[in-house]
Amino acid sequence: MEECWYEADDTFNDPITASLQAPPKNKFKGVPMLMMPDSENKDARRLIDIINDEVYEVMLPEANEKQCCGSSHGWLIMVDKSSVITLLNPLTGSQFQLPPLSTSLKALESHAEKDERQHYHKLAFCLQTLFYFFKWIISKVSFQAKTNFTSPNIDIPYKVILSTNPSKRLKECIAMAIFGKLRKLAFCKIGDKTWTFVEDPRCFFDDIVFSSNNFFAVDEYGGVVKCDLLPSPKLTEITPPWCFKGQKIYLTDSPWGLLLTIRYIEKRSCSVYKTKKFQVYKLHQIFHEWLDMKNLGGNMMFLGQNHSVLVSPCRFSQRSGDCIYFTDDYLERHVEGIIGGIDVGFFDMGDKRIELLYAEGDVKSISPIPTWVII
């Protein structure tokens, strides 16, 4: 796999030529690192510092035979074949366990489907409920509609993020997950015995973000909700579904409030796809309308299986701002038998240019898929 780095564009330079070493633990505060598998050692991972063009090696035998379902506040969220979820710090090796999905989410999904049927029956004439029911029907019968991700195993979450760094605020750390066939929401604290299901008919969520002491979630059609956890979980609509374009939607916290990013992915064949462009919108704080953004205010955005984040380049003189760095999290295609992992690169919002890390055709797949880690 390493030879593909020689085919990467010069924006990423040639990090593979650097000598591998263990990363200094206090160097990377706020630095985005691209975590890659090591083709020579299944127990190791390579951390690529794209800011300083350096490569480090970390030993992570704890991540072997596990799937990464999230990266948040410097922690990897890993799930094993027994559906046990573990928070893993790639630098210190520290771990925390979350409740097993095999006992939690199966019961939750069964309850969710039963509750949803009852809700549809009781609110048959409610426009919002009808919309989601109609969307669900369309997604099942029309191949032209957006491909809805259906995990082959409901125990593996679509995505998990954390509210805060558990090494700093353990008791306050909450994990929020998108899970199951309908891509619903559930949450738990470290130490909980089970996950708490957010009972609501809304479904097919694409991303979650923690902003202003609240979780927010966006569905694949741009509908944004606030997740109120106390006294009982409920979803409050911020904006209705409005976007019927693109293949992926992300939410990002920013100095201007919530940002919504649409990712357009071109399917070139049954096994080949490539990101073509992004569109970014910011939420008007008063009118709750989405306003088109031409730039990121000089910041860099990092998207993928990580929690979506903006990073200021002010102390990274080697990199320019107003770029979106992305990894391959097109899970809809991965469950179709395509491992994926190669649609990695950046999008320049100024000249609308896409630069890929890998030259097209050089590699078919990477497993485990590359993931951003903001240490």
Protein backbone atom coordinates (compact mmCIF):
# COMPACT_ATOMS: atom_id res chain seq x y z
CA MET A 1 0.00 0.00 0.00
CA GLU A 2 2.85 2.41 0.74
CA GLU A 3 3.81 2.83 -2.90
CA CYS A 4 0.54 4.68 -3.47
CA TRP A 5 1.91 7.56 -1.44
CA TYR A 6 4.45 8.23 -4.18
CA GLU A 7 1.55 8.84 -6.55
CA ALA A 8 -0.09 11.35 -4.20
CA ASP A 9 -0.18 15.00 -5.20
CA ASP A 10 2.57 17.30 -3.98
CA THR A 11 0.19 19.01 -1.55
CA PHE A 12 0.56 15.97 0.66
CA ASN A 13 4.26 15.80 -0.30
CA ASP A 14 5.90 12.44 0.31
CA PRO A 15 5.40 11.54 3.97
CA ILE A 16 6.17 7.88 3.48
CA THR A 17 9.84 8.69 3.00
CA ALA A 18 10.06 9.94 6.57
CA SER A 19 11.49 7.56 9.13
CA LEU A 20 8.80 6.02 11.31
CA GLN A 21 8.95 6.86 14.99
CA ALA A 22 6.68 6.91 18.00
CA PRO A 23 4.79 10.23 18.24
CA PRO A 24 5.68 12.60 21.09
CA LYS A 25 2.57 12.67 23.26
CA ASN A 26 2.55 16.41 23.96
CA LYS A 27 3.20 17.68 20.45
CA PHE A 28 -0.10 17.27 18.68
CA LYS A 29 -2.64 19.39 20.52
CA GLY A 30 -5.23 20.26 17.89
CA VAL A 31 -3.21 18.76 15.02
CA PRO A 32 -5.21 16.67 12.53
CA MET A 33 -3.65 13.25 12.01
CA LEU A 34 -4.66 10.78 9.30
CA MET A 35 -4.67 7.29 10.79
CA MET A 36 -3.78 4.59 8.26
CA PRO A 37 -3.24 0.83 8.53
CA ASP A 38 0.31 -0.51 8.40
CA SER A 39 0.61 -3.10 5.64
CA GLU A 40 3.59 -4.71 7.37
CA ASN A 41 2.16 -4.99 10.88
CA LYS A 42 -1.55 -5.53 11.57
CA ASP A 43 -1.05 -4.41 15.19
CA ALA A 44 0.35 -1.03 14.14
CA ARG A 45 -1.18 2.15 12.72
CA ARG A 46 0.47 5.07 10.97
CA LEU A 47 -0.37 8.60 12.04
CA ILE A 48 0.26 11.04 9.21
CA ASP A 49 0.69 14.66 10.24
CA ILE A 50 -0.40 16.42 7.05
CA ILE A 51 0.43 19.80 8.59
CA ASN A 52 4.13 19.11 9.14
CA ASP A 53 4.51 16.26 6.60
CA GLU A 54 5.61 13.72 9.17
CA VAL A 55 4.67 10.07 9.73
CA TYR A 56 4.58 8.28 13.07
CA GLU A 57 3.90 4.71 14.03
CA VAL A 58 1.79 3.67 16.99
CA MET A 59 1.25 0.14 18.23
CA LEU A 60 -2.48 -0.52 18.61
CA PRO A 61 -3.04 -4.25 19.03
CA GLU A 62 -6.26 -3.29 20.83
CA ALA A 63 -7.64 -2.07 17.48
CA ASN A 64 -6.93 -5.32 15.65
CA GLU A 65 -10.07 -7.14 14.45
CA LYS A 66 -12.19 -4.13 15.38
CA GLN A 67 -14.08 -1.66 13.23
CA CYS A 68 -13.77 2.09 13.78
CA CYS A 69 -17.21 3.69 14.01
CA GLY A 70 -16.03 7.11 15.12
CA SER A 71 -13.20 9.41 16.09
CA SER A 72 -13.87 12.18 18.60
CA HIS A 73 -11.75 14.42 20.85
CA GLY A 74 -8.65 12.35 20.09
CA TRP A 75 -10.33 9.02 20.90
CA LEU A 76 -11.18 6.18 18.54
CA ILE A 77 -14.56 4.50 18.97
CA MET A 78 -14.06 0.82 18.12
CA VAL A 79 -16.55 -2.05 17.93
CA ASP A 80 -15.61 -5.72 17.92
CA LYS A 81 -17.37 -8.81 16.58
CA SER A 82 -19.22 -9.19 19.88
CA SER A 83 -20.64 -5.67 19.42
CA VAL A 84 -18.71 -4.34 22.41
CA ILE A 85 -17.78 -0.69 21.93
CA THR A 86 -14.46 0.58 23.26
CA LEU A 87 -13.07 4.10 23.45
CA LEU A 88 -9.36 3.91 22.65
CA ASN A 89 -6.77 6.66 22.93
CA PRO A 90 -4.22 5.96 20.14
CA LEU A 91 -1.40 7.79 21.93
CA THR A 92 -1.76 6.62 25.54
CA GLY A 93 -3.52 3.29 25.00
CA SER A 94 -6.16 4.24 27.60
CA GLN A 95 -9.53 2.55 27.17
CA PHE A 96 -13.13 2.90 28.32
CA GLN A 97 -15.92 0.49 27.54
CA LEU A 98 -19.45 1.43 26.52
CA PRO A 99 -22.47 -0.88 26.88
CA PRO A 100 -22.59 -3.81 24.44
CA LEU A 101 -24.82 -3.17 21.47
CA SER A 102 -25.89 -6.81 21.27
CA THR A 103 -28.04 -6.37 24.37
CA SER A 104 -28.96 -2.72 23.95
CA LEU A 105 -29.61 -1.76 20.37
CA LYS A 106 -31.39 -4.91 19.27
CA ALA A 107 -34.00 -4.26 21.91
CA LEU A 108 -34.01 -0.57 21.06
CA GLU A 109 -34.51 -1.17 17.35
CA SER A 110 -37.37 -3.58 18.02
CA HIS A 111 -38.93 -0.99 20.31
CA ALA A 112 -38.30 1.75 17.76
CA GLU A 113 -40.03 -0.12 14.95
CA LYS A 114 -43.02 -0.92 17.17
CA ASP A 115 -43.21 2.66 18.42
CA GLU A 116 -42.92 4.00 14.89
CA ARG A 117 -45.83 1.91 13.65
CA GLN A 118 -47.95 3.18 16.52
CA HIS A 119 -46.90 6.75 15.85
CA TYR A 120 -47.81 6.51 12.18
CA HIS A 121 -51.21 5.09 13.11
CA LYS A 122 -51.99 7.79 15.67
CA LEU A 123 -50.69 10.72 13.61
CA ALA A 124 -51.72 9.59 10.15
CA PHE A 125 -52.60 13.11 9.15
CA CYS A 126 -49.56 14.79 10.62
CA LEU A 127 -47.57 16.24 7.69
CA GLN A 128 -44.20 15.66 9.27
CA THR A 129 -44.91 12.01 10.05
CA LEU A 130 -46.28 11.45 6.58
CA PHE A 131 -43.13 12.97 5.09
CA TYR A 132 -40.83 10.57 6.92
CA PHE A 133 -43.08 7.61 6.18
CA PHE A 134 -43.15 8.57 2.50
CA LYS A 135 -39.35 8.97 2.47
CA TRP A 136 -38.97 5.53 4.03
CA ILE A 137 -41.22 3.93 1.39
CA ILE A 138 -39.44 5.69 -1.47
CA SER A 139 -36.02 4.65 -0.19
CA LYS A 140 -37.10 1.02 -0.17
CA VAL A 141 -38.68 0.80 -3.62
CA SER A 142 -36.80 3.25 -5.80
CA PHE A 143 -33.20 2.64 -6.84
CA GLN A 144 -33.10 6.22 -8.08
CA ALA A 145 -33.63 7.61 -4.59
CA LYS A 146 -30.65 8.15 -2.32
CA THR A 147 -29.16 4.87 -1.21
CA ASN A 148 -30.02 4.47 2.46
CA PHE A 149 -27.36 2.75 4.51
CA THR A 150 -28.61 -0.52 5.96
CA SER A 151 -26.04 -2.15 8.15
CA PRO A 152 -25.76 -5.91 7.73
CA ASN A 153 -25.43 -6.01 11.50
CA ILE A 154 -27.49 -3.59 13.59
CA ASP A 155 -24.95 -4.00 16.40
CA ILE A 156 -22.42 -1.92 14.42
CA PRO A 157 -23.30 1.76 14.68
CA TYR A 158 -23.24 4.05 11.67
CA LYS A 159 -21.35 6.71 13.64
CA VAL A 160 -20.52 7.58 17.26
CA ILE A 161 -19.22 10.88 18.65
CA LEU A 162 -18.41 12.15 22.14
CA SER A 163 -19.56 15.34 23.86
CA THR A 164 -16.16 15.93 25.45
CA ASN A 165 -12.76 14.37 26.08
CA PRO A 166 -13.27 11.57 28.64
CA SER A 167 -9.72 11.92 29.94
CA LYS A 168 -10.57 15.46 31.07
CA ARG A 169 -14.29 15.28 31.95
CA LEU A 170 -15.10 11.62 32.39
CA LYS A 171 -18.35 12.03 34.33
CA GLU A 172 -19.72 14.52 31.81
CA CYS A 173 -18.76 12.57 28.69
CA ILE A 174 -21.76 11.38 26.65
CA ALA A 175 -21.58 9.16 23.58
CA MET A 176 -24.23 9.71 20.89
CA ALA A 177 -24.72 7.04 18.22
CA ILE A 178 -26.49 6.72 14.90
CA PHE A 179 -27.52 3.07 14.72
CA GLY A 180 -29.57 0.40 13.03
CA LYS A 181 -31.51 -0.01 9.81
CA LEU A 182 -33.37 3.26 10.21
CA ARG A 183 -30.30 5.19 11.40
CA LYS A 184 -31.91 6.34 14.65
CA LEU A 185 -30.26 8.00 17.67
CA ALA A 186 -29.20 6.57 21.03
CA PHE A 187 -26.86 7.79 23.76
CA CYS A 188 -25.10 6.68 26.93
CA LYS A 189 -22.57 7.83 29.49
CA ILE A 190 -19.40 5.99 30.35
CA GLY A 191 -20.40 3.56 33.07
CA ASP A 192 -24.00 3.13 31.89
CA LYS A 193 -25.27 -0.44 31.56
CA THR A 194 -27.32 0.22 28.43
CA TRP A 195 -28.02 2.78 25.72
CA THR A 196 -30.96 5.18 25.92
CA PHE A 197 -33.09 5.35 22.80
CA VAL A 198 -34.29 8.76 21.53
CA GLU A 199 -37.94 8.08 20.73
CA ASP A 200 -38.93 10.02 17.64
CA PRO A 201 -40.22 9.12 14.15
CA ARG A 202 -37.36 10.96 12.47
CA CYS A 203 -34.70 8.70 11.01
CA PHE A 204 -31.94 8.24 8.40
CA PHE A 205 -29.51 10.54 10.20
CA ASP A 206 -26.17 11.23 8.52
CA ASP A 207 -24.14 13.10 11.14
CA ILE A 208 -24.07 14.37 14.73
CA VAL A 209 -22.24 17.29 16.32
CA PHE A 210 -21.93 18.61 19.88
CA SER A 211 -22.31 22.39 19.98
CA SER A 212 -23.29 24.89 22.71
CA ASN A 213 -23.73 22.05 25.23
CA ASN A 214 -26.21 20.23 23.00
CA PHE A 215 -26.13 17.44 20.46
CA PHE A 216 -27.46 18.27 16.99
CA ALA A 217 -28.17 15.74 14.25
CA VAL A 218 -28.82 16.07 10.52
CA ASP A 219 -30.68 13.60 8.35
CA GLU A 220 -29.75 12.80 4.76
CA TYR A 221 -32.15 15.44 3.45
CA GLY A 222 -30.78 18.33 5.53
CA GLY A 223 -33.31 18.29 8.36
CA VAL A 224 -31.56 19.38 11.57
CA VAL A 225 -32.76 18.60 15.10
CA LYS A 226 -31.53 19.44 18.58
CA CYS A 227 -31.26 16.46 20.88
CA ASP A 228 -32.61 17.34 24.32
CA LEU A 229 -31.52 14.58 26.71
CA LEU A 230 -33.08 15.79 29.98
CA PRO A 231 -35.48 15.29 31.64
CA SER A 232 -36.42 12.78 28.94
CA PRO A 233 -34.88 12.43 25.45
CA LYS A 234 -36.63 14.30 22.66
CA LEU A 235 -35.80 15.90 19.32
CA THR A 236 -36.60 19.53 18.56
CA GLU A 237 -36.65 20.59 14.92
CA ILE A 238 -34.23 23.38 13.99
CA THR A 239 -34.72 23.25 10.22
CA PRO A 240 -36.98 20.96 8.17
CA PRO A 241 -35.66 18.66 5.42
CA TRP A 242 -34.80 20.79 2.41
CA CYS A 243 -31.84 19.27 0.58
CA PHE A 244 -32.48 16.56 -1.99
CA LYS A 245 -29.01 16.47 -3.51
CA GLY A 246 -25.59 15.05 -2.80
CA GLN A 247 -24.68 11.74 -1.17
CA LYS A 248 -23.48 12.74 2.32
CA ILE A 249 -24.35 15.57 4.72
CA TYR A 250 -22.22 16.72 7.66
CA LEU A 251 -22.72 19.08 10.62
CA THR A 252 -19.84 21.13 12.00
CA ASP A 253 -19.58 23.54 14.92
CA SER A 254 -18.03 26.90 14.03
CA PRO A 255 -17.58 30.45 15.37
CA TRP A 256 -20.62 31.39 13.26
CA GLY A 257 -22.84 28.59 14.53
CA LEU A 258 -23.75 25.33 12.81
CA LEU A 259 -22.39 24.58 9.35
CA LEU A 260 -24.02 22.09 6.99
CA THR A 261 -21.81 20.54 4.31
CA ILE A 262 -23.09 18.55 1.33
CA ARG A 263 -20.72 16.06 -0.30
CA TYR A 264 -21.23 15.08 -3.93
CA ILE A 265 -19.88 11.66 -4.91
CA GLU A 266 -19.72 10.45 -8.49
CA LYS A 267 -20.30 6.74 -9.05
CA ARG A 268 -18.15 5.76 -12.02
CA SER A 269 -18.94 2.05 -11.87
CA CYS A 270 -20.30 -0.51 -9.46
CA SER A 271 -16.99 -0.47 -7.59
CA VAL A 272 -15.51 2.95 -8.34
CA TYR A 273 -16.63 6.26 -6.88
CA LYS A 274 -15.01 9.64 -6.34
CA THR A 275 -15.84 12.85 -4.47
CA LYS A 276 -16.54 15.67 -6.93
CA LYS A 277 -17.29 18.73 -4.79
CA PHE A 278 -18.69 20.15 -1.56
CA GLN A 279 -21.18 22.87 -0.71
CA VAL A 280 -21.16 24.59 2.69
CA TYR A 281 -24.01 26.47 4.35
CA LYS A 282 -24.24 28.30 7.67
CA LEU A 283 -27.34 28.47 9.81
CA HIS A 284 -28.85 31.93 10.30
CA GLN A 285 -29.09 32.29 14.07
CA ILE A 286 -32.44 34.14 14.04
CA PHE A 287 -34.37 32.97 10.99
CA HIS A 288 -32.95 29.40 10.98
CA GLU A 289 -32.28 29.54 7.27
CA TRP A 290 -29.26 28.08 5.49
CA LEU A 291 -26.96 30.66 3.87
CA ASP A 292 -24.46 29.69 1.20
CA MET A 293 -20.80 30.08 2.23
CA LYS A 294 -18.09 30.84 -0.32
CA ASN A 295 -15.22 30.19 2.11
CA LEU A 296 -14.47 28.92 5.61
CA GLY A 297 -13.07 32.16 6.98
CA GLY A 298 -9.56 30.85 6.42
CA ASN A 299 -10.19 27.64 8.39
CA MET A 300 -9.73 24.01 7.41
CA MET A 301 -12.57 21.49 7.71
CA PHE A 302 -12.02 17.78 8.39
CA LEU A 303 -14.78 15.35 7.44
CA GLY A 304 -15.17 11.58 7.56
CA GLN A 305 -15.89 9.01 10.21
CA ASN A 306 -14.55 11.53 12.74
CA HIS A 307 -16.75 14.14 14.36
CA SER A 308 -16.71 16.96 11.82
CA VAL A 309 -14.45 19.80 12.88
CA LEU A 310 -12.96 23.15 11.85
CA VAL A 311 -9.27 23.80 12.52
CA SER A 312 -7.58 27.19 12.28
CA PRO A 313 -4.40 27.16 10.16
CA CYS A 314 -2.97 30.24 11.93
CA ARG A 315 -0.17 28.20 13.53
CA PHE A 316 0.20 25.88 10.54
CA SER A 317 1.94 28.08 8.00
CA GLN A 318 2.54 25.12 5.69
CA ARG A 319 -1.17 24.77 4.91
CA SER A 320 -3.67 27.15 3.42
CA GLY A 321 -7.16 27.60 4.76
CA ASP A 322 -10.56 27.38 3.08
CA CYS A 323 -10.01 23.69 2.28
CA ILE A 324 -12.08 20.64 3.17
CA TYR A 325 -10.02 17.55 3.99
CA PHE A 326 -12.02 14.35 3.67
CA THR A 327 -11.73 10.60 4.10
CA ASP A 328 -13.76 7.78 2.60
CA ASP A 329 -16.83 7.26 4.81
CA TYR A 330 -19.22 6.34 2.00
CA LEU A 331 -20.57 3.43 4.03
CA GLU A 332 -23.49 2.94 1.67
CA ARG A 333 -21.10 1.48 -0.92
CA HIS A 334 -18.96 -0.36 1.61
CA VAL A 335 -21.84 -2.62 2.66
CA GLU A 336 -22.42 -3.49 -0.99
CA GLY A 337 -19.18 -5.47 -0.90
CA ILE A 338 -16.85 -2.57 -1.68
CA ILE A 339 -14.27 -2.09 1.07
CA GLY A 340 -13.48 1.45 -0.03
CA GLY A 341 -11.04 3.66 1.84
CA ILE A 342 -9.36 5.32 -1.17
CA ASP A 343 -11.57 8.40 -1.64
CA VAL A 344 -9.28 10.58 0.48
CA GLY A 345 -8.10 14.09 -0.31
CA PHE A 346 -9.02 17.75 -0.05
CA PHE A 347 -11.33 20.24 -1.76
CA ASP A 348 -10.22 23.86 -2.28
CA MET A 349 -13.23 26.14 -1.84
CA GLY A 350 -11.49 28.91 -3.75
CA ASP A 351 -10.83 27.28 -7.12
CA LYS A 352 -13.16 24.26 -6.53
CA ARG A 353 -10.21 21.92 -7.05
CA ILE A 354 -10.16 18.34 -5.76
CA GLU A 355 -6.81 16.73 -4.93
CA LEU A 356 -6.81 13.04 -4.08
CA LEU A 357 -4.26 11.31 -1.90
CA TYR A 358 -4.15 8.32 -4.24
CA ALA A 359 -3.79 8.36 -8.00
CA GLU A 360 -6.87 6.83 -9.60
CA GLY A 361 -6.48 3.11 -10.22
CA ASP A 362 -3.40 2.67 -8.04
CA VAL A 363 -5.19 0.89 -5.22
CA LYS A 364 -8.60 -0.78 -5.01
CA SER A 365 -9.29 -0.59 -1.29
CA ILE A 366 -7.81 0.08 2.13
CA SER A 367 -8.92 -1.68 5.28
CA PRO A 368 -9.35 -0.45 7.92
CA ILE A 369 -10.36 2.78 6.19
CA PRO A 370 -8.32 5.94 6.91
CA THR A 371 -9.70 8.09 9.74
CA TRP A 372 -8.98 11.62 10.95
CA VAL A 373 -7.84 11.84 14.56
CA ILE A 374 -7.68 15.31 16.09
CA ILE A 375 -5.25 14.66 18.93
